Amino acid sequence: MKMSVKESSLRDLIKAHKDFWRMKNPKPLLRVRRYSPLRSDVKIPLSDGRSVSDNVALDPDLIDPKLFIQRLDEYRKASLITGDFIESLAPYDLCWTQAFIGCPIRVSSGKVWSEPFLKDITELKFSNLKVDRRWFNKLLEFTESLIEYSAGRYPIVQPLFRGPIDMAASALGPDKLCIAAYKHKEDLDLFLDFCAQTFIKALRAQADLIPRF
């Protein structure tokens, strides 16, 4: 069977990426796009009808993936390949991994931020550590909505997932994280393990939903 131009281009591109990570490709992977500065008037659409950009706490019940997906109409005509990269769709960055472990999530100055919820690492009762299932399930709902929207046109990928040390820094604040690393290493190790396991569970749960592209 003769390979289509799309399949041939994808195969060549995938090979170039594999070679890059194996340090066999001497050329950088490049994509040229129009410069877009960080703006303060980006508004987050909420299910209660508001569009918010500053000093508003976010609750998973206020997040309707379809409201975000309505903004993706530009992808209907977008090329699958731009430069050396494959276009993809991911759930909007809502500080997912920090939300999973209990960090309050807030939109401020047009961006989404996580806030600390621990005063001290020693106040944690590690036997009671639980994932916030409402945020966890919202990620899966967002993923399913993107799969339906894409209809096989674009690969669905994970959003920006902050790793365990960033999750801990968000939960404690950077100063208290440093103190914990110095004074309470065992407690911090247990918390980092919880963060890592949460990260892995979320990644696997999302991957189980995503069809092969």
Protein backbone atom coordinates (compact mmCIF):
# COMPACT_ATOMS: atom_id res chain seq x y z
CA MET A 1 0.00 0.00 0.00
CA LYS A 2 1.39 3.37 -1.03
CA MET A 3 2.01 5.69 1.90
CA SER A 4 0.21 9.04 1.84
CA VAL A 5 2.12 12.31 2.06
CA LYS A 6 0.73 12.80 5.58
CA GLU A 7 1.91 9.38 6.75
CA SER A 8 5.30 9.82 5.12
CA SER A 9 5.80 13.24 6.71
CA LEU A 10 4.76 11.96 10.12
CA ARG A 11 7.09 8.99 9.91
CA ASP A 12 10.03 11.20 8.92
CA LEU A 13 9.22 13.64 11.69
CA ILE A 14 8.93 10.94 14.33
CA LYS A 15 12.29 9.54 13.25
CA ALA A 16 13.83 13.02 13.54
CA HIS A 17 12.52 13.33 17.10
CA LYS A 18 13.80 9.89 18.06
CA ASP A 19 17.20 10.76 16.61
CA PHE A 20 17.19 14.05 18.55
CA TRP A 21 16.60 12.35 21.91
CA ARG A 22 19.20 9.71 21.08
CA MET A 23 21.64 12.50 20.23
CA LYS A 24 21.93 11.24 16.65
CA ASN A 25 20.42 14.31 15.00
CA PRO A 26 22.91 17.20 14.70
CA LYS A 27 20.17 19.63 13.68
CA PRO A 28 17.85 21.38 16.18
CA LEU A 29 14.11 20.87 15.98
CA LEU A 30 12.59 24.23 15.04
CA ARG A 31 9.21 25.86 14.66
CA VAL A 32 8.63 29.49 13.73
CA ARG A 33 5.58 31.23 15.18
CA ARG A 34 4.35 34.75 15.65
CA TYR A 35 5.50 36.26 18.94
CA SER A 36 2.73 36.53 21.52
CA PRO A 37 3.54 38.30 24.81
CA LEU A 38 2.06 37.29 28.15
CA ARG A 39 -1.14 39.30 28.49
CA SER A 40 -3.05 40.15 31.65
CA ASP A 41 -6.50 40.11 30.06
CA VAL A 42 -6.78 36.38 29.39
CA LYS A 43 -10.10 35.33 30.89
CA ILE A 44 -11.00 31.92 32.29
CA PRO A 45 -14.57 30.88 31.37
CA LEU A 46 -16.58 29.46 34.27
CA SER A 47 -19.71 27.36 34.23
CA ASP A 48 -21.65 30.02 36.19
CA GLY A 49 -21.35 32.39 33.22
CA ARG A 50 -18.43 34.47 34.45
CA SER A 51 -15.17 35.03 32.58
CA VAL A 52 -12.55 35.82 35.21
CA SER A 53 -8.96 37.01 35.02
CA ASP A 54 -8.00 38.27 38.47
CA ASN A 55 -8.24 37.23 42.13
CA VAL A 56 -10.80 34.45 41.77
CA ALA A 57 -10.54 31.05 43.42
CA LEU A 58 -11.21 28.15 41.04
CA ASP A 59 -13.30 25.16 41.95
CA PRO A 60 -13.45 22.06 39.74
CA ASP A 61 -17.24 22.35 39.66
CA LEU A 62 -16.81 25.71 37.92
CA ILE A 63 -14.67 24.21 35.14
CA ASP A 64 -16.57 23.15 32.03
CA PRO A 65 -14.13 21.78 29.44
CA LYS A 66 -16.49 22.59 26.59
CA LEU A 67 -16.18 26.31 27.38
CA PHE A 68 -12.41 26.09 26.84
CA ILE A 69 -12.79 23.93 23.76
CA GLN A 70 -14.99 26.55 22.12
CA ARG A 71 -11.83 28.62 21.78
CA LEU A 72 -10.08 25.93 19.75
CA ASP A 73 -11.88 26.57 16.47
CA GLU A 74 -8.60 27.85 15.01
CA TYR A 75 -7.41 24.24 14.99
CA ARG A 76 -10.09 23.24 12.51
CA LYS A 77 -7.93 24.70 9.74
CA ALA A 78 -4.51 24.35 11.37
CA SER A 79 -1.89 22.14 9.77
CA LEU A 80 -1.04 18.97 11.64
CA ILE A 81 2.67 19.69 11.18
CA THR A 82 4.29 23.07 11.76
CA GLY A 83 8.02 23.17 11.31
CA ASP A 84 9.54 20.16 13.04
CA PHE A 85 6.63 19.62 15.43
CA ILE A 86 3.25 17.91 15.44
CA GLU A 87 0.36 20.04 16.62
CA SER A 88 -1.48 18.57 19.60
CA LEU A 89 -4.29 19.33 22.03
CA ALA A 90 -3.98 19.28 25.82
CA PRO A 91 -6.25 20.20 28.72
CA TYR A 92 -5.87 23.85 29.72
CA ASP A 93 -3.13 24.46 32.27
CA LEU A 94 -4.96 24.59 35.61
CA CYS A 95 -2.02 23.59 37.84
CA TRP A 96 -3.40 20.07 37.78
CA THR A 97 -0.86 18.18 39.85
CA GLN A 98 -0.86 20.82 42.59
CA ALA A 99 -4.66 20.73 42.64
CA PHE A 100 -4.57 16.93 42.99
CA ILE A 101 -2.68 17.16 46.28
CA GLY A 102 -4.87 19.89 47.78
CA CYS A 103 -3.42 23.24 46.71
CA PRO A 104 -6.03 25.97 46.27
CA ILE A 105 -6.11 27.15 42.65
CA ARG A 106 -6.59 30.80 41.79
CA VAL A 107 -6.65 32.88 38.63
CA SER A 108 -4.72 36.13 39.02
CA SER A 109 -3.39 38.61 36.46
CA GLY A 110 -4.75 36.46 33.68
CA LYS A 111 -2.85 33.34 34.75
CA VAL A 112 -3.71 30.33 36.89
CA TRP A 113 -1.68 29.88 40.08
CA SER A 114 -1.55 27.38 42.91
CA GLU A 115 -1.33 28.48 46.55
CA PRO A 116 0.26 26.79 49.59
CA PHE A 117 -1.97 24.92 52.00
CA LEU A 118 0.60 23.60 54.49
CA LYS A 119 2.06 25.71 57.26
CA ASP A 120 4.64 23.07 58.11
CA ILE A 121 5.59 19.67 56.72
CA THR A 122 5.27 18.16 60.20
CA GLU A 123 1.55 18.97 60.37
CA LEU A 124 0.80 16.38 57.70
CA LYS A 125 -0.87 13.16 58.74
CA PHE A 126 0.59 10.98 56.04
CA SER A 127 -1.84 8.15 56.63
CA ASN A 128 -4.63 10.52 55.62
CA LEU A 129 -3.06 11.84 52.43
CA LYS A 130 -5.59 11.59 49.63
CA VAL A 131 -5.88 12.77 46.06
CA ASP A 132 -8.54 15.39 45.41
CA ARG A 133 -10.79 13.25 43.24
CA ARG A 134 -12.81 16.21 42.02
CA TRP A 135 -9.79 17.75 40.29
CA PHE A 136 -8.51 14.31 39.23
CA ASN A 137 -11.83 13.46 37.57
CA LYS A 138 -12.00 16.90 35.98
CA LEU A 139 -8.73 16.22 34.17
CA LEU A 140 -10.19 13.01 32.77
CA GLU A 141 -13.38 14.81 31.76
CA PHE A 142 -11.29 17.47 30.00
CA THR A 143 -9.33 14.76 28.20
CA GLU A 144 -12.48 12.99 27.03
CA SER A 145 -13.91 16.26 25.73
CA LEU A 146 -10.73 16.93 23.74
CA ILE A 147 -10.79 13.43 22.28
CA GLU A 148 -14.34 14.02 21.09
CA TYR A 149 -13.47 17.45 19.69
CA SER A 150 -10.35 16.27 17.90
CA ALA A 151 -12.10 13.31 16.26
CA GLY A 152 -8.70 11.89 15.36
CA ARG A 153 -7.37 15.04 13.66
CA TYR A 154 -4.78 15.86 16.32
CA PRO A 155 -3.06 13.82 19.03
CA ILE A 156 -4.22 14.46 22.59
CA VAL A 157 -1.39 14.93 25.09
CA GLN A 158 -0.93 15.60 28.78
CA PRO A 159 -1.06 19.18 30.02
CA LEU A 160 1.85 20.72 31.87
CA PHE A 161 2.33 18.46 34.88
CA ARG A 162 4.57 19.91 37.58
CA GLY A 163 6.70 17.20 39.13
CA PRO A 164 7.00 16.16 42.80
CA ILE A 165 9.43 18.87 43.92
CA ASP A 166 7.30 21.59 42.29
CA MET A 167 4.19 20.09 43.85
CA ALA A 168 5.84 20.17 47.28
CA ALA A 169 7.01 23.74 46.72
CA SER A 170 3.46 24.74 45.83
CA ALA A 171 2.04 23.01 48.91
CA LEU A 172 4.57 24.50 51.34
CA GLY A 173 5.96 27.56 49.62
CA PRO A 174 9.60 27.62 48.48
CA ASP A 175 11.02 28.92 51.77
CA LYS A 176 9.35 26.25 53.90
CA LEU A 177 10.32 23.59 51.38
CA CYS A 178 13.98 24.50 51.90
CA ILE A 179 13.54 24.35 55.68
CA ALA A 180 11.82 20.97 55.37
CA ALA A 181 14.68 19.64 53.24
CA TYR A 182 17.12 20.64 55.98
CA LYS A 183 15.19 19.88 59.18
CA HIS A 184 12.54 17.31 58.28
CA LYS A 185 14.01 15.11 55.57
CA GLU A 186 12.02 11.99 56.41
CA ASP A 187 8.70 13.85 56.42
CA LEU A 188 9.58 15.53 53.14
CA ASP A 189 10.59 12.21 51.58
CA LEU A 190 7.19 10.75 52.45
CA PHE A 191 5.39 13.75 51.00
CA LEU A 192 7.47 13.69 47.82
CA ASP A 193 6.66 10.00 47.41
CA PHE A 194 2.94 10.83 47.69
CA CYS A 195 3.40 13.56 45.08
CA ALA A 196 5.26 11.21 42.74
CA GLN A 197 2.65 8.47 43.05
CA THR A 198 -0.12 11.01 42.42
CA PHE A 199 1.68 12.26 39.31
CA ILE A 200 2.06 8.71 37.98
CA LYS A 201 -1.56 7.74 38.69
CA ALA A 202 -2.87 10.83 36.89
CA LEU A 203 -0.60 10.29 33.90
CA ARG A 204 -1.61 6.64 33.58
CA ALA A 205 -5.31 7.40 33.99
CA GLN A 206 -5.15 9.99 31.21
CA ALA A 207 -3.04 7.75 28.98
CA ASP A 208 -5.62 4.97 29.32
CA LEU A 209 -8.22 7.29 27.79
CA ILE A 210 -6.20 8.62 24.88
CA PRO A 211 -6.53 6.70 21.60
CA ARG A 212 -3.42 5.86 19.64
CA PHE A 213 -2.72 8.52 17.01
